Amino acid sequence: MDTSVIIIFVIAIAIVLVIAWVVGQRARERQLENRRTEATELREEAEQRAARADEREALAEEQAERARSERAEAEEQVRRADDIDPDRDS
């Protein structure tokens, strides 16, 4: 084999290796970008779910407070009824 053929062969192999490395790098970058996008979407969904949970929790607390208030009013009404009931022994 002639020296120039060997040199061309080595250069061709080097070029193929560089191309393979560049393609691999680009594939890894695409994969990383896809993972970043997926992570961003997951974070956005988690934030939305947390916001909905906060809203529901606030609503539940408001309803619980109304229920406590209604219960207190009902108990007060029972006490007044007991106070005015002539058949009720105090």
C-alpha atoms as a PDB file:
ATOM      1  CA  MET A   1       0.000   0.000   0.000  1.00  0.00           C
ATOM      2  CA  ASP A   2       1.237   3.404  -0.938  1.00  0.00           C
ATOM      3  CA  THR A   3       1.858   5.984   1.821  1.00  0.00           C
ATOM      4  CA  SER A   4      -0.562   8.468   0.294  1.00  0.00           C
ATOM      5  CA  VAL A   5      -3.339   5.836   0.328  1.00  0.00           C
ATOM      6  CA  ILE A   6      -2.693   5.168   4.016  1.00  0.00           C
ATOM      7  CA  ILE A   7      -2.778   8.895   4.772  1.00  0.00           C
ATOM      8  CA  ILE A   8      -6.047   9.301   2.842  1.00  0.00           C
ATOM      9  CA  PHE A   9      -7.448   6.262   4.651  1.00  0.00           C
ATOM     10  CA  VAL A  10      -6.472   7.689   8.076  1.00  0.00           C
ATOM     11  CA  ILE A  11      -7.926  11.093   7.169  1.00  0.00           C
ATOM     12  CA  ALA A  12     -11.162   9.448   6.010  1.00  0.00           C
ATOM     13  CA  ILE A  13     -11.413   7.517   9.282  1.00  0.00           C
ATOM     14  CA  ALA A  14     -10.754  10.707  11.241  1.00  0.00           C
ATOM     15  CA  ILE A  15     -13.471  12.538   9.290  1.00  0.00           C
ATOM     16  CA  VAL A  16     -15.938   9.694   9.904  1.00  0.00           C
ATOM     17  CA  LEU A  17     -15.103   9.757  13.628  1.00  0.00           C
ATOM     18  CA  VAL A  18     -15.570  13.534  13.801  1.00  0.00           C
ATOM     19  CA  ILE A  19     -18.893  13.294  11.969  1.00  0.00           C
ATOM     20  CA  ALA A  20     -20.025  10.500  14.315  1.00  0.00           C
ATOM     21  CA  TRP A  21     -18.998  12.576  17.326  1.00  0.00           C
ATOM     22  CA  VAL A  22     -20.860  15.667  16.027  1.00  0.00           C
ATOM     23  CA  VAL A  23     -23.988  13.607  15.304  1.00  0.00           C
ATOM     24  CA  GLY A  24     -23.772  12.084  18.794  1.00  0.00           C
ATOM     25  CA  GLN A  25     -23.416  15.523  20.378  1.00  0.00           C
ATOM     26  CA  ARG A  26     -26.424  16.837  18.484  1.00  0.00           C
ATOM     27  CA  ALA A  27     -28.482  13.795  19.494  1.00  0.00           C
ATOM     28  CA  ARG A  28     -27.529  14.330  23.131  1.00  0.00           C
ATOM     29  CA  GLU A  29     -28.413  18.039  22.896  1.00  0.00           C
ATOM     30  CA  ARG A  30     -31.816  17.169  21.391  1.00  0.00           C
ATOM     31  CA  GLN A  31     -32.387  14.658  24.168  1.00  0.00           C
ATOM     32  CA  LEU A  32     -31.422  17.216  26.818  1.00  0.00           C
ATOM     33  CA  GLU A  33     -33.681  19.825  25.244  1.00  0.00           C
ATOM     34  CA  ASN A  34     -36.567  17.344  25.164  1.00  0.00           C
ATOM     35  CA  ARG A  35     -35.992  16.570  28.827  1.00  0.00           C
ATOM     36  CA  ARG A  36     -35.855  20.285  29.664  1.00  0.00           C
ATOM     37  CA  THR A  37     -39.127  20.833  27.818  1.00  0.00           C
ATOM     38  CA  GLU A  38     -40.751  17.907  29.613  1.00  0.00           C
ATOM     39  CA  ALA A  39     -39.506  19.188  32.977  1.00  0.00           C
ATOM     40  CA  THR A  40     -40.878  22.657  32.224  1.00  0.00           C
ATOM     41  CA  GLU A  41     -44.255  21.209  31.293  1.00  0.00           C
ATOM     42  CA  LEU A  42     -44.314  19.101  34.460  1.00  0.00           C
ATOM     43  CA  ARG A  43     -43.458  22.137  36.586  1.00  0.00           C
ATOM     44  CA  GLU A  44     -46.186  24.210  34.942  1.00  0.00           C
ATOM     45  CA  GLU A  45     -48.728  21.439  35.506  1.00  0.00           C
ATOM     46  CA  ALA A  46     -47.608  21.073  39.123  1.00  0.00           C
ATOM     47  CA  GLU A  47     -47.968  24.833  39.662  1.00  0.00           C
ATOM     48  CA  GLN A  48     -51.480  24.762  38.193  1.00  0.00           C
ATOM     49  CA  ARG A  49     -52.451  21.817  40.368  1.00  0.00           C
ATOM     50  CA  ALA A  50     -51.030  23.528  43.453  1.00  0.00           C
ATOM     51  CA  ALA A  51     -52.986  26.694  42.628  1.00  0.00           C
ATOM     52  CA  ARG A  52     -56.201  24.677  42.236  1.00  0.00           C
ATOM     53  CA  ALA A  53     -55.487  22.914  45.516  1.00  0.00           C
ATOM     54  CA  ASP A  54     -54.935  26.269  47.242  1.00  0.00           C
ATOM     55  CA  GLU A  55     -58.239  27.555  45.870  1.00  0.00           C
ATOM     56  CA  ARG A  56     -60.073  24.427  47.012  1.00  0.00           C
ATOM     57  CA  GLU A  57     -58.438  24.605  50.412  1.00  0.00           C
ATOM     58  CA  ALA A  58     -59.460  28.253  50.819  1.00  0.00           C
ATOM     59  CA  LEU A  59     -63.013  27.397  49.771  1.00  0.00           C
ATOM     60  CA  ALA A  60     -63.123  24.479  52.196  1.00  0.00           C
ATOM     61  CA  GLU A  61     -61.890  26.694  55.029  1.00  0.00           C
ATOM     62  CA  GLU A  62     -64.520  29.298  54.161  1.00  0.00           C
ATOM     63  CA  GLN A  63     -67.251  26.654  54.132  1.00  0.00           C
ATOM     64  CA  ALA A  64     -66.021  25.216  57.426  1.00  0.00           C
ATOM     65  CA  GLU A  65     -66.140  28.682  58.981  1.00  0.00           C
ATOM     66  CA  ARG A  66     -69.706  29.174  57.714  1.00  0.00           C
ATOM     67  CA  ALA A  67     -70.670  25.778  59.123  1.00  0.00           C
ATOM     68  CA  ARG A  68     -69.175  26.670  62.528  1.00  0.00           C
ATOM     69  CA  SER A  69     -71.039  29.968  62.474  1.00  0.00           C
ATOM     70  CA  GLU A  70     -74.329  28.271  61.565  1.00  0.00           C
ATOM     71  CA  ARG A  71     -73.794  25.670  64.294  1.00  0.00           C
ATOM     72  CA  ALA A  72     -73.162  28.420  66.853  1.00  0.00           C
ATOM     73  CA  GLU A  73     -76.330  30.223  65.744  1.00  0.00           C
ATOM     74  CA  ALA A  74     -78.321  26.985  65.979  1.00  0.00           C
ATOM     75  CA  GLU A  75     -76.970  26.284  69.464  1.00  0.00           C
ATOM     76  CA  GLU A  76     -77.845  29.826  70.533  1.00  0.00           C
ATOM     77  CA  GLN A  77     -81.332  29.365  69.143  1.00  0.00           C
ATOM     78  CA  VAL A  78     -81.715  26.109  71.144  1.00  0.00           C
ATOM     79  CA  ARG A  79     -80.600  27.944  74.316  1.00  0.00           C
ATOM     80  CA  ARG A  80     -83.156  30.699  73.709  1.00  0.00           C
ATOM     81  CA  ALA A  81     -85.853  28.097  73.073  1.00  0.00           C
ATOM     82  CA  ASP A  82     -84.874  26.322  76.285  1.00  0.00           C
ATOM     83  CA  ASP A  83     -85.010  29.648  78.165  1.00  0.00           C
ATOM     84  CA  ILE A  84     -88.537  30.478  77.021  1.00  0.00           C
ATOM     85  CA  ASP A  85     -89.958  26.923  77.156  1.00  0.00           C
ATOM     86  CA  PRO A  86     -92.125  26.696  80.260  1.00  0.00           C
ATOM     87  CA  ASP A  87     -91.924  22.907  80.239  1.00  0.00           C
ATOM     88  CA  ARG A  88     -88.160  22.857  80.194  1.00  0.00           C
ATOM     89  CA  ASP A  89     -86.489  22.492  83.591  1.00  0.00           C
ATOM     90  CA  SER A  90     -83.350  24.551  83.808  1.00  0.00           C
END
